[in-house]
């Protein structure tokens, strides 16, 4: 007879063994991956489907819109008449030019002020550093209110002026703090070595700090540009001349009207083009610049925002 060999007893777990990983660090199962994919697909569908309806309706003829009873989901009988009429001159074209110029000038001015202020605040030895920082932080929690702000703009003579679209909202304290945090994360040895070589503060900022801060500068620039492009409240508050209104205010006026907008060409007057198509086309024109620029800056969001927000 062969002897039965007993198995050795199992070793107790070692006190130095690695602890089991948390649930969220485990490799997801196939069902989990499928569920995440389904949720992301539904989220994308919920975002893209309304945009699809807006774009298709803007390209639809009056007959297609009448057959659909309003917004068009299935494209047919497409035409570019709405965009041709909008871009052929008049109020919408003028408002688009105004919005572009205000966005470019306002973004450049806001970035200049914000970068200079953030760089000064990042140098903890600068004069009045702590007092100025506390003053800026206080403005994030306390404000004078709408009426004092309007009276200030009026007393400065900025009403019915394009400067009223830029100066009242030119600086964001949050953006300054993000820039300051990023600037403080740059190695002090770089700036010290440049200063030893005779470089001044402006040269250090221009040739050392800003090239190393492209990510956060791109993100903050996008924030300011989108803010100026989408702004409508300042224009409705400080401007009385309809010929000075930017695109967002013109879009609000067109969308709120029940009938076809007046003065957009012969196609509307003859009934060839629906007023709803014009309204949707204005929406597309207002969304297009942000949709085009955002993907180019998207890769900088993680580095620019997170690094600038947690340092300093």
C-alpha atoms as a PDB file:
ATOM      1  CA  UNK A   1       0.000   0.000   0.000  1.00  0.00           C
ATOM      2  CA  UNK A   2       1.176   3.471  -0.813  1.00  0.00           C
ATOM      3  CA  UNK A   3       1.431   5.822   2.059  1.00  0.00           C
ATOM      4  CA  UNK A   4      -0.944   8.750   2.062  1.00  0.00           C
ATOM      5  CA  UNK A   5       0.976  11.986   2.039  1.00  0.00           C
ATOM      6  CA  UNK A   6      -0.718  14.739   3.956  1.00  0.00           C
ATOM      7  CA  UNK A   7      -0.589  18.269   2.533  1.00  0.00           C
ATOM      8  CA  UNK A   8       1.399  20.709   4.621  1.00  0.00           C
ATOM      9  CA  UNK A   9      -0.729  23.190   6.501  1.00  0.00           C
ATOM     10  CA  UNK A  10      -1.279  26.527   4.796  1.00  0.00           C
ATOM     11  CA  UNK A  11       0.927  29.323   6.003  1.00  0.00           C
ATOM     12  CA  UNK A  12      -0.764  32.116   7.876  1.00  0.00           C
ATOM     13  CA  UNK A  13      -0.741  35.429   6.041  1.00  0.00           C
ATOM     14  CA  UNK A  14       2.429  37.355   6.641  1.00  0.00           C
ATOM     15  CA  UNK A  15       2.219  40.606   8.546  1.00  0.00           C
ATOM     16  CA  UNK A  16       4.307  42.173   5.748  1.00  0.00           C
ATOM     17  CA  UNK A  17       1.987  41.059   2.953  1.00  0.00           C
ATOM     18  CA  UNK A  18       0.490  43.847   0.861  1.00  0.00           C
ATOM     19  CA  UNK A  19      -3.052  44.722   1.956  1.00  0.00           C
ATOM     20  CA  UNK A  20      -5.856  44.063  -0.504  1.00  0.00           C
ATOM     21  CA  UNK A  21      -6.485  46.935  -2.920  1.00  0.00           C
ATOM     22  CA  UNK A  22      -9.612  49.080  -2.556  1.00  0.00           C
ATOM     23  CA  UNK A  23     -12.543  48.341  -4.804  1.00  0.00           C
ATOM     24  CA  UNK A  24     -12.001  51.425  -6.965  1.00  0.00           C
ATOM     25  CA  UNK A  25      -8.439  50.298  -7.781  1.00  0.00           C
ATOM     26  CA  UNK A  26      -9.471  46.876  -9.012  1.00  0.00           C
ATOM     27  CA  UNK A  27      -9.532  46.175 -12.728  1.00  0.00           C
ATOM     28  CA  UNK A  28     -13.100  46.799 -13.993  1.00  0.00           C
ATOM     29  CA  UNK A  29     -15.091  43.880 -15.275  1.00  0.00           C
ATOM     30  CA  UNK A  30     -16.590  43.621 -18.717  1.00  0.00           C
ATOM     31  CA  UNK A  31     -20.022  44.583 -17.406  1.00  0.00           C
ATOM     32  CA  UNK A  32     -18.561  47.657 -15.723  1.00  0.00           C
ATOM     33  CA  UNK A  33     -16.809  48.754 -18.907  1.00  0.00           C
ATOM     34  CA  UNK A  34     -19.995  48.213 -20.895  1.00  0.00           C
ATOM     35  CA  UNK A  35     -21.987  50.238 -18.368  1.00  0.00           C
ATOM     36  CA  UNK A  36     -19.505  53.117 -18.485  1.00  0.00           C
ATOM     37  CA  UNK A  37     -19.567  53.095 -22.265  1.00  0.00           C
ATOM     38  CA  UNK A  38     -23.354  53.171 -22.281  1.00  0.00           C
ATOM     39  CA  UNK A  39     -23.488  56.084 -19.840  1.00  0.00           C
ATOM     40  CA  UNK A  40     -20.921  58.066 -21.856  1.00  0.00           C
ATOM     41  CA  UNK A  41     -22.784  57.330 -25.084  1.00  0.00           C
ATOM     42  CA  UNK A  42     -26.065  58.571 -23.587  1.00  0.00           C
ATOM     43  CA  UNK A  43     -24.354  61.692 -22.238  1.00  0.00           C
ATOM     44  CA  UNK A  44     -22.840  62.458 -25.639  1.00  0.00           C
ATOM     45  CA  UNK A  45     -26.193  61.848 -27.285  1.00  0.00           C
ATOM     46  CA  UNK A  46     -27.898  64.215 -24.850  1.00  0.00           C
ATOM     47  CA  UNK A  47     -25.364  66.926 -25.713  1.00  0.00           C
ATOM     48  CA  UNK A  48     -25.095  66.421 -29.471  1.00  0.00           C
ATOM     49  CA  UNK A  49     -28.764  65.786 -30.271  1.00  0.00           C
ATOM     50  CA  UNK A  50     -29.956  69.351 -29.482  1.00  0.00           C
ATOM     51  CA  UNK A  51     -27.002  70.744 -31.447  1.00  0.00           C
ATOM     52  CA  UNK A  52     -27.937  68.490 -34.347  1.00  0.00           C
ATOM     53  CA  UNK A  53     -31.495  69.828 -34.328  1.00  0.00           C
ATOM     54  CA  UNK A  54     -30.278  73.446 -34.254  1.00  0.00           C
ATOM     55  CA  UNK A  55     -27.859  72.925 -37.173  1.00  0.00           C
ATOM     56  CA  UNK A  56     -30.351  70.959 -39.305  1.00  0.00           C
ATOM     57  CA  UNK A  57     -33.124  73.506 -38.696  1.00  0.00           C
ATOM     58  CA  UNK A  58     -30.810  76.366 -39.671  1.00  0.00           C
ATOM     59  CA  UNK A  59     -30.108  74.595 -42.984  1.00  0.00           C
ATOM     60  CA  UNK A  60     -33.748  73.715 -43.702  1.00  0.00           C
ATOM     61  CA  UNK A  61     -36.062  75.509 -46.089  1.00  0.00           C
ATOM     62  CA  UNK A  62     -39.380  77.002 -45.080  1.00  0.00           C
ATOM     63  CA  UNK A  63     -41.246  74.024 -46.574  1.00  0.00           C
ATOM     64  CA  UNK A  64     -39.193  71.519 -44.543  1.00  0.00           C
ATOM     65  CA  UNK A  65     -39.794  73.484 -41.331  1.00  0.00           C
ATOM     66  CA  UNK A  66     -43.531  73.725 -42.043  1.00  0.00           C
ATOM     67  CA  UNK A  67     -43.722  69.966 -42.728  1.00  0.00           C
ATOM     68  CA  UNK A  68     -41.903  69.217 -39.437  1.00  0.00           C
ATOM     69  CA  UNK A  69     -44.130  71.627 -37.545  1.00  0.00           C
ATOM     70  CA  UNK A  70     -41.122  73.498 -36.130  1.00  0.00           C
ATOM     71  CA  UNK A  71     -37.685  72.091 -35.371  1.00  0.00           C
ATOM     72  CA  UNK A  72     -36.352  69.642 -37.967  1.00  0.00           C
ATOM     73  CA  UNK A  73     -34.671  66.411 -36.884  1.00  0.00           C
ATOM     74  CA  UNK A  74     -34.329  64.573 -40.221  1.00  0.00           C
ATOM     75  CA  UNK A  75     -32.404  66.640 -42.793  1.00  0.00           C
ATOM     76  CA  UNK A  76     -34.042  67.189 -46.174  1.00  0.00           C
ATOM     77  CA  UNK A  77     -34.411  70.069 -48.592  1.00  0.00           C
ATOM     78  CA  UNK A  78     -31.283  71.725 -47.188  1.00  0.00           C
ATOM     79  CA  UNK A  79     -30.281  75.254 -48.138  1.00  0.00           C
ATOM     80  CA  UNK A  80     -27.781  77.909 -47.029  1.00  0.00           C
ATOM     81  CA  UNK A  81     -30.189  80.777 -47.569  1.00  0.00           C
ATOM     82  CA  UNK A  82     -30.319  81.626 -43.840  1.00  0.00           C
ATOM     83  CA  UNK A  83     -26.541  82.027 -43.568  1.00  0.00           C
ATOM     84  CA  UNK A  84     -26.407  83.917 -46.863  1.00  0.00           C
ATOM     85  CA  UNK A  85     -28.984  86.388 -45.639  1.00  0.00           C
ATOM     86  CA  UNK A  86     -27.291  86.804 -42.266  1.00  0.00           C
ATOM     87  CA  UNK A  87     -23.861  87.419 -43.772  1.00  0.00           C
ATOM     88  CA  UNK A  88     -25.028  89.642 -46.609  1.00  0.00           C
ATOM     89  CA  UNK A  89     -24.865  92.732 -44.408  1.00  0.00           C
ATOM     90  CA  UNK A  90     -27.067  94.458 -41.901  1.00  0.00           C
ATOM     91  CA  UNK A  91     -27.507  94.130 -38.168  1.00  0.00           C
ATOM     92  CA  UNK A  92     -26.241  90.556 -37.708  1.00  0.00           C
ATOM     93  CA  UNK A  93     -23.058  91.106 -39.718  1.00  0.00           C
ATOM     94  CA  UNK A  94     -22.318  94.324 -37.841  1.00  0.00           C
ATOM     95  CA  UNK A  95     -22.992  92.623 -34.494  1.00  0.00           C
ATOM     96  CA  UNK A  96     -20.647  89.762 -35.415  1.00  0.00           C
ATOM     97  CA  UNK A  97     -17.830  92.191 -36.227  1.00  0.00           C
ATOM     98  CA  UNK A  98     -18.443  94.023 -32.946  1.00  0.00           C
ATOM     99  CA  UNK A  99     -18.335  90.782 -30.948  1.00  0.00           C
ATOM    100  CA  UNK A 100     -15.095  89.682 -32.629  1.00  0.00           C
ATOM    101  CA  UNK A 101     -13.373  93.019 -31.990  1.00  0.00           C
ATOM    102  CA  UNK A 102     -14.576  93.243 -28.394  1.00  0.00           C
ATOM    103  CA  UNK A 103     -13.423  89.671 -27.770  1.00  0.00           C
ATOM    104  CA  UNK A 104      -9.961  90.241 -29.240  1.00  0.00           C
ATOM    105  CA  UNK A 105      -9.317  93.594 -27.572  1.00  0.00           C
ATOM    106  CA  UNK A 106     -10.906  92.584 -24.263  1.00  0.00           C
ATOM    107  CA  UNK A 107      -9.031  89.283 -24.052  1.00  0.00           C
ATOM    108  CA  UNK A 108      -5.698  90.972 -24.795  1.00  0.00           C
ATOM    109  CA  UNK A 109      -6.334  93.666 -22.177  1.00  0.00           C
ATOM    110  CA  UNK A 110      -7.552  91.205 -19.539  1.00  0.00           C
ATOM    111  CA  UNK A 111      -4.621  88.854 -20.060  1.00  0.00           C
ATOM    112  CA  UNK A 112      -2.125  91.723 -19.843  1.00  0.00           C
ATOM    113  CA  UNK A 113      -3.545  93.001 -16.562  1.00  0.00           C
ATOM    114  CA  UNK A 114      -4.004  89.519 -15.097  1.00  0.00           C
ATOM    115  CA  UNK A 115      -0.503  88.300 -15.961  1.00  0.00           C
ATOM    116  CA  UNK A 116       1.171  91.427 -14.580  1.00  0.00           C
ATOM    117  CA  UNK A 117      -0.902  91.315 -11.397  1.00  0.00           C
ATOM    118  CA  UNK A 118      -0.378  87.583 -10.896  1.00  0.00           C
ATOM    119  CA  UNK A 119       3.367  87.850 -11.441  1.00  0.00           C
ATOM    120  CA  UNK A 120       3.636  90.683  -8.923  1.00  0.00           C
ATOM    121  CA  UNK A 121       1.630  88.713  -6.368  1.00  0.00           C
ATOM    122  CA  UNK A 122       3.769  85.615  -6.945  1.00  0.00           C
ATOM    123  CA  UNK A 123       6.835  87.557  -5.753  1.00  0.00           C
ATOM    124  CA  UNK A 124       6.225  87.429  -1.996  1.00  0.00           C
ATOM    125  CA  UNK A 125       8.857  90.092  -1.358  1.00  0.00           C
ATOM    126  CA  UNK A 126       7.136  92.718  -3.502  1.00  0.00           C
ATOM    127  CA  UNK A 127       5.862  95.899  -1.863  1.00  0.00           C
ATOM    128  CA  UNK A 128       2.298  95.648  -0.558  1.00  0.00           C
ATOM    129  CA  UNK A 129       2.045  92.002  -1.595  1.00  0.00           C
ATOM    130  CA  UNK A 130      -0.090  90.762   1.287  1.00  0.00           C
ATOM    131  CA  UNK A 131      -2.311  93.866   1.437  1.00  0.00           C
ATOM    132  CA  UNK A 132      -3.079  93.707  -2.279  1.00  0.00           C
ATOM    133  CA  UNK A 133      -3.717  89.958  -2.135  1.00  0.00           C
ATOM    134  CA  UNK A 134      -6.181  90.344   0.745  1.00  0.00           C
ATOM    135  CA  UNK A 135      -7.929  93.176  -1.119  1.00  0.00           C
ATOM    136  CA  UNK A 136      -8.372  91.036  -4.222  1.00  0.00           C
ATOM    137  CA  UNK A 137      -9.659  88.104  -2.172  1.00  0.00           C
ATOM    138  CA  UNK A 138     -12.204  90.380  -0.477  1.00  0.00           C
ATOM    139  CA  UNK A 139     -13.696  91.323  -3.847  1.00  0.00           C
ATOM    140  CA  UNK A 140     -14.535  87.665  -4.460  1.00  0.00           C
ATOM    141  CA  UNK A 141     -16.937  87.681  -1.502  1.00  0.00           C
ATOM    142  CA  UNK A 142     -18.132  91.282  -1.351  1.00  0.00           C
ATOM    143  CA  UNK A 143     -19.238  93.596  -4.152  1.00  0.00           C
ATOM    144  CA  UNK A 144     -20.778  97.048  -4.332  1.00  0.00           C
ATOM    145  CA  UNK A 145     -23.808  95.833  -6.257  1.00  0.00           C
ATOM    146  CA  UNK A 146     -25.393  96.572  -9.593  1.00  0.00           C
ATOM    147  CA  UNK A 147     -26.558 100.157  -9.011  1.00  0.00           C
ATOM    148  CA  UNK A 148     -23.210 101.523  -7.689  1.00  0.00           C
ATOM    149  CA  UNK A 149     -21.450  99.794 -10.577  1.00  0.00           C
ATOM    150  CA  UNK A 150     -23.793 101.391 -13.106  1.00  0.00           C
ATOM    151  CA  UNK A 151     -23.358 104.803 -11.490  1.00  0.00           C
ATOM    152  CA  UNK A 152     -19.574 104.394 -11.620  1.00  0.00           C
ATOM    153  CA  UNK A 153     -19.640 103.476 -15.308  1.00  0.00           C
ATOM    154  CA  UNK A 154     -21.964 106.398 -15.993  1.00  0.00           C
ATOM    155  CA  UNK A 155     -19.794 108.861 -14.067  1.00  0.00           C
ATOM    156  CA  UNK A 156     -16.755 107.748 -16.076  1.00  0.00           C
ATOM    157  CA  UNK A 157     -18.617 108.497 -19.297  1.00  0.00           C
ATOM    158  CA  UNK A 158     -18.500 104.906 -20.543  1.00  0.00           C
ATOM    159  CA  UNK A 159     -22.203 104.480 -21.329  1.00  0.00           C
ATOM    160  CA  UNK A 160     -22.907 104.033 -25.056  1.00  0.00           C
ATOM    161  CA  UNK A 161     -19.232 103.162 -25.453  1.00  0.00           C
ATOM    162  CA  UNK A 162     -17.542  99.918 -26.397  1.00  0.00           C
ATOM    163  CA  UNK A 163     -15.290 100.312 -23.368  1.00  0.00           C
ATOM    164  CA  UNK A 164     -18.370  99.557 -21.265  1.00  0.00           C
ATOM    165  CA  UNK A 165     -18.265  96.042 -22.721  1.00  0.00           C
ATOM    166  CA  UNK A 166     -14.649  95.519 -21.588  1.00  0.00           C
ATOM    167  CA  UNK A 167     -13.662  97.495 -18.500  1.00  0.00           C
ATOM    168  CA  UNK A 168     -16.427  96.532 -15.999  1.00  0.00           C
ATOM    169  CA  UNK A 169     -15.561  92.831 -16.351  1.00  0.00           C
ATOM    170  CA  UNK A 170     -11.951  93.065 -17.497  1.00  0.00           C
ATOM    171  CA  UNK A 171     -10.327  91.278 -14.547  1.00  0.00           C
ATOM    172  CA  UNK A 172     -11.259  88.043 -12.818  1.00  0.00           C
ATOM    173  CA  UNK A 173      -9.704  87.517  -9.388  1.00  0.00           C
ATOM    174  CA  UNK A 174     -10.094  83.761  -9.758  1.00  0.00           C
ATOM    175  CA  UNK A 175      -8.023  83.785 -12.956  1.00  0.00           C
ATOM    176  CA  UNK A 176      -5.370  85.923 -11.255  1.00  0.00           C
ATOM    177  CA  UNK A 177      -5.117  83.453  -8.387  1.00  0.00           C
ATOM    178  CA  UNK A 178      -4.759  80.531 -10.795  1.00  0.00           C
ATOM    179  CA  UNK A 179      -1.976  82.341 -12.662  1.00  0.00           C
ATOM    180  CA  UNK A 180      -0.308  83.284  -9.376  1.00  0.00           C
ATOM    181  CA  UNK A 181      -0.325  79.685  -8.188  1.00  0.00           C
ATOM    182  CA  UNK A 182       1.264  78.527 -11.429  1.00  0.00           C
ATOM    183  CA  UNK A 183       3.925  81.261 -11.368  1.00  0.00           C
ATOM    184  CA  UNK A 184       4.850  80.357  -7.788  1.00  0.00           C
ATOM    185  CA  UNK A 185       5.417  76.777  -8.901  1.00  0.00           C
ATOM    186  CA  UNK A 186       8.198  77.800 -11.295  1.00  0.00           C
ATOM    187  CA  UNK A 187      11.669  77.084  -9.942  1.00  0.00           C
ATOM    188  CA  UNK A 188      13.110  80.042  -8.065  1.00  0.00           C
ATOM    189  CA  UNK A 189      16.610  79.113  -9.260  1.00  0.00           C
ATOM    190  CA  UNK A 190      15.668  80.039 -12.849  1.00  0.00           C
ATOM    191  CA  UNK A 191      14.585  83.553 -11.973  1.00  0.00           C
ATOM    192  CA  UNK A 192      17.507  84.035  -9.576  1.00  0.00           C
ATOM    193  CA  UNK A 193      20.047  83.010 -12.224  1.00  0.00           C
ATOM    194  CA  UNK A 194      18.424  85.370 -14.751  1.00  0.00           C
ATOM    195  CA  UNK A 195      18.520  88.191 -12.229  1.00  0.00           C
ATOM    196  CA  UNK A 196      22.236  87.538 -11.601  1.00  0.00           C
ATOM    197  CA  UNK A 197      22.808  87.851 -15.356  1.00  0.00           C
ATOM    198  CA  UNK A 198      21.212  91.292 -15.260  1.00  0.00           C
ATOM    199  CA  UNK A 199      17.654  90.540 -16.363  1.00  0.00           C
ATOM    200  CA  UNK A 200      14.879  92.723 -14.964  1.00  0.00           C
ATOM    201  CA  UNK A 201      11.417  91.680 -13.873  1.00  0.00           C
ATOM    202  CA  UNK A 202       9.782  92.337 -17.253  1.00  0.00           C
ATOM    203  CA  UNK A 203      12.439  90.357 -19.101  1.00  0.00           C
ATOM    204  CA  UNK A 204      12.161  87.475 -16.628  1.00  0.00           C
ATOM    205  CA  UNK A 205       8.395  87.476 -17.066  1.00  0.00           C
ATOM    206  CA  UNK A 206       8.547  87.625 -20.856  1.00  0.00           C
ATOM    207  CA  UNK A 207      11.427  85.233 -21.578  1.00  0.00           C
ATOM    208  CA  UNK A 208      11.274  82.760 -18.672  1.00  0.00           C
ATOM    209  CA  UNK A 209       7.971  82.733 -16.830  1.00  0.00           C
ATOM    210  CA  UNK A 210       5.542  83.033 -19.745  1.00  0.00           C
ATOM    211  CA  UNK A 211       7.184  80.383 -21.991  1.00  0.00           C
ATOM    212  CA  UNK A 212       7.001  77.937 -19.062  1.00  0.00           C
ATOM    213  CA  UNK A 213       3.348  78.837 -18.438  1.00  0.00           C
ATOM    214  CA  UNK A 214       1.874  78.194 -21.873  1.00  0.00           C
ATOM    215  CA  UNK A 215      -0.658  75.698 -20.517  1.00  0.00           C
ATOM    216  CA  UNK A 216      -2.219  77.953 -17.902  1.00  0.00           C
ATOM    217  CA  UNK A 217      -2.032  80.985 -20.215  1.00  0.00           C
ATOM    218  CA  UNK A 218      -3.939  79.088 -22.912  1.00  0.00           C
ATOM    219  CA  UNK A 219      -6.657  78.064 -20.456  1.00  0.00           C
ATOM    220  CA  UNK A 220      -7.091  81.532 -18.946  1.00  0.00           C
ATOM    221  CA  UNK A 221      -7.112  83.083 -22.423  1.00  0.00           C
ATOM    222  CA  UNK A 222      -9.927  80.746 -23.401  1.00  0.00           C
ATOM    223  CA  UNK A 223     -11.839  81.653 -20.242  1.00  0.00           C
ATOM    224  CA  UNK A 224     -11.604  85.363 -20.988  1.00  0.00           C
ATOM    225  CA  UNK A 225     -12.388  84.922 -24.690  1.00  0.00           C
ATOM    226  CA  UNK A 226     -15.486  82.828 -24.023  1.00  0.00           C
ATOM    227  CA  UNK A 227     -16.594  85.313 -21.376  1.00  0.00           C
ATOM    228  CA  UNK A 228     -16.352  88.274 -23.765  1.00  0.00           C
ATOM    229  CA  UNK A 229     -17.902  86.375 -26.668  1.00  0.00           C
ATOM    230  CA  UNK A 230     -20.867  85.156 -24.607  1.00  0.00           C
ATOM    231  CA  UNK A 231     -21.419  88.370 -22.624  1.00  0.00           C
ATOM    232  CA  UNK A 232     -24.731  90.131 -23.149  1.00  0.00           C
ATOM    233  CA  UNK A 233     -25.614  91.741 -19.815  1.00  0.00           C
ATOM    234  CA  UNK A 234     -23.172  94.655 -20.013  1.00  0.00           C
ATOM    235  CA  UNK A 235     -24.412  95.567 -23.486  1.00  0.00           C
ATOM    236  CA  UNK A 236     -28.050  95.486 -22.421  1.00  0.00           C
ATOM    237  CA  UNK A 237     -27.208  97.605 -19.379  1.00  0.00           C
ATOM    238  CA  UNK A 238     -24.793 100.210 -20.746  1.00  0.00           C
ATOM    239  CA  UNK A 239     -25.707 100.483 -24.457  1.00  0.00           C
ATOM    240  CA  UNK A 240     -28.792 102.212 -25.819  1.00  0.00           C
ATOM    241  CA  UNK A 241     -27.869 102.290 -29.508  1.00  0.00           C
ATOM    242  CA  UNK A 242     -29.058  99.161 -31.322  1.00  0.00           C
ATOM    243  CA  UNK A 243     -26.313  99.557 -33.914  1.00  0.00           C
ATOM    244  CA  UNK A 244     -23.700  98.992 -31.188  1.00  0.00           C
ATOM    245  CA  UNK A 245     -25.149  95.725 -29.883  1.00  0.00           C
ATOM    246  CA  UNK A 246     -22.915  92.609 -30.039  1.00  0.00           C
ATOM    247  CA  UNK A 247     -24.011  89.304 -31.523  1.00  0.00           C
ATOM    248  CA  UNK A 248     -25.365  87.767 -28.308  1.00  0.00           C
ATOM    249  CA  UNK A 249     -27.815  90.623 -27.786  1.00  0.00           C
ATOM    250  CA  UNK A 250     -28.957  90.471 -31.390  1.00  0.00           C
ATOM    251  CA  UNK A 251     -29.430  86.718 -31.017  1.00  0.00           C
ATOM    252  CA  UNK A 252     -31.620  87.236 -27.948  1.00  0.00           C
ATOM    253  CA  UNK A 253     -33.718  89.767 -29.827  1.00  0.00           C
ATOM    254  CA  UNK A 254     -34.176  87.429 -32.793  1.00  0.00           C
ATOM    255  CA  UNK A 255     -34.985  84.375 -30.687  1.00  0.00           C
ATOM    256  CA  UNK A 256     -37.565  86.230 -28.595  1.00  0.00           C
ATOM    257  CA  UNK A 257     -39.453  87.412 -31.668  1.00  0.00           C
ATOM    258  CA  UNK A 258     -42.323  85.210 -32.787  1.00  0.00           C
ATOM    259  CA  UNK A 259     -42.385  86.480 -36.371  1.00  0.00           C
ATOM    260  CA  UNK A 260     -39.602  86.494 -38.928  1.00  0.00           C
ATOM    261  CA  UNK A 261     -36.994  89.168 -38.196  1.00  0.00           C
ATOM    262  CA  UNK A 262     -37.290  92.302 -40.269  1.00  0.00           C
ATOM    263  CA  UNK A 263     -34.526  93.591 -42.528  1.00  0.00           C
ATOM    264  CA  UNK A 264     -32.699  90.321 -43.211  1.00  0.00           C
ATOM    265  CA  UNK A 265     -33.289  90.180 -46.951  1.00  0.00           C
ATOM    266  CA  UNK A 266     -35.818  89.467 -49.634  1.00  0.00           C
ATOM    267  CA  UNK A 267     -35.938  85.743 -48.850  1.00  0.00           C
ATOM    268  CA  UNK A 268     -37.775  86.341 -45.575  1.00  0.00           C
ATOM    269  CA  UNK A 269     -40.145  88.878 -47.080  1.00  0.00           C
ATOM    270  CA  UNK A 270     -41.175  86.561 -49.913  1.00  0.00           C
ATOM    271  CA  UNK A 271     -41.616  83.575 -47.596  1.00  0.00           C
ATOM    272  CA  UNK A 272     -38.750  81.553 -49.065  1.00  0.00           C
ATOM    273  CA  UNK A 273     -36.976  81.481 -45.687  1.00  0.00           C
ATOM    274  CA  UNK A 274     -38.453  80.813 -42.262  1.00  0.00           C
ATOM    275  CA  UNK A 275     -37.743  83.081 -39.336  1.00  0.00           C
ATOM    276  CA  UNK A 276     -37.014  79.963 -37.244  1.00  0.00           C
ATOM    277  CA  UNK A 277     -34.167  79.011 -39.608  1.00  0.00           C
ATOM    278  CA  UNK A 278     -32.687  82.483 -39.148  1.00  0.00           C
ATOM    279  CA  UNK A 279     -32.882  82.146 -35.367  1.00  0.00           C
ATOM    280  CA  UNK A 280     -31.152  78.765 -35.427  1.00  0.00           C
ATOM    281  CA  UNK A 281     -28.494  80.088 -37.825  1.00  0.00           C
ATOM    282  CA  UNK A 282     -27.682  82.925 -35.426  1.00  0.00           C
ATOM    283  CA  UNK A 283     -27.307  80.363 -32.627  1.00  0.00           C
ATOM    284  CA  UNK A 284     -24.881  78.349 -34.748  1.00  0.00           C
ATOM    285  CA  UNK A 285     -22.849  81.467 -35.511  1.00  0.00           C
ATOM    286  CA  UNK A 286     -22.681  82.273 -31.799  1.00  0.00           C
ATOM    287  CA  UNK A 287     -21.596  78.729 -30.848  1.00  0.00           C
ATOM    288  CA  UNK A 288     -19.166  78.117 -33.699  1.00  0.00           C
ATOM    289  CA  UNK A 289     -16.070  80.019 -32.425  1.00  0.00           C
ATOM    290  CA  UNK A 290     -16.182  78.352 -29.000  1.00  0.00           C
ATOM    291  CA  UNK A 291     -16.724  74.911 -30.528  1.00  0.00           C
ATOM    292  CA  UNK A 292     -13.772  75.405 -32.887  1.00  0.00           C
ATOM    293  CA  UNK A 293     -11.284  76.797 -30.342  1.00  0.00           C
ATOM    294  CA  UNK A 294     -12.079  74.549 -27.376  1.00  0.00           C
ATOM    295  CA  UNK A 295     -10.485  71.329 -28.754  1.00  0.00           C
ATOM    296  CA  UNK A 296      -7.155  73.124 -29.306  1.00  0.00           C
ATOM    297  CA  UNK A 297      -7.026  74.245 -25.664  1.00  0.00           C
ATOM    298  CA  UNK A 298      -8.529  71.094 -24.162  1.00  0.00           C
ATOM    299  CA  UNK A 299      -5.151  69.369 -23.777  1.00  0.00           C
ATOM    300  CA  UNK A 300      -3.944  72.225 -21.567  1.00  0.00           C
ATOM    301  CA  UNK A 301      -6.861  72.084 -19.132  1.00  0.00           C
ATOM    302  CA  UNK A 302      -5.522  69.407 -16.810  1.00  0.00           C
ATOM    303  CA  UNK A 303      -2.029  70.818 -16.498  1.00  0.00           C
ATOM    304  CA  UNK A 304      -3.019  74.460 -16.536  1.00  0.00           C
ATOM    305  CA  UNK A 305      -5.930  74.430 -14.129  1.00  0.00           C
ATOM    306  CA  UNK A 306      -4.909  71.742 -11.637  1.00  0.00           C
ATOM    307  CA  UNK A 307      -1.295  72.871 -11.313  1.00  0.00           C
ATOM    308  CA  UNK A 308      -2.260  76.506 -10.998  1.00  0.00           C
ATOM    309  CA  UNK A 309      -5.016  75.772  -8.499  1.00  0.00           C
ATOM    310  CA  UNK A 310      -3.144  73.585  -5.985  1.00  0.00           C
ATOM    311  CA  UNK A 311       0.217  75.343  -5.791  1.00  0.00           C
ATOM    312  CA  UNK A 312       0.920  78.462  -3.781  1.00  0.00           C
END
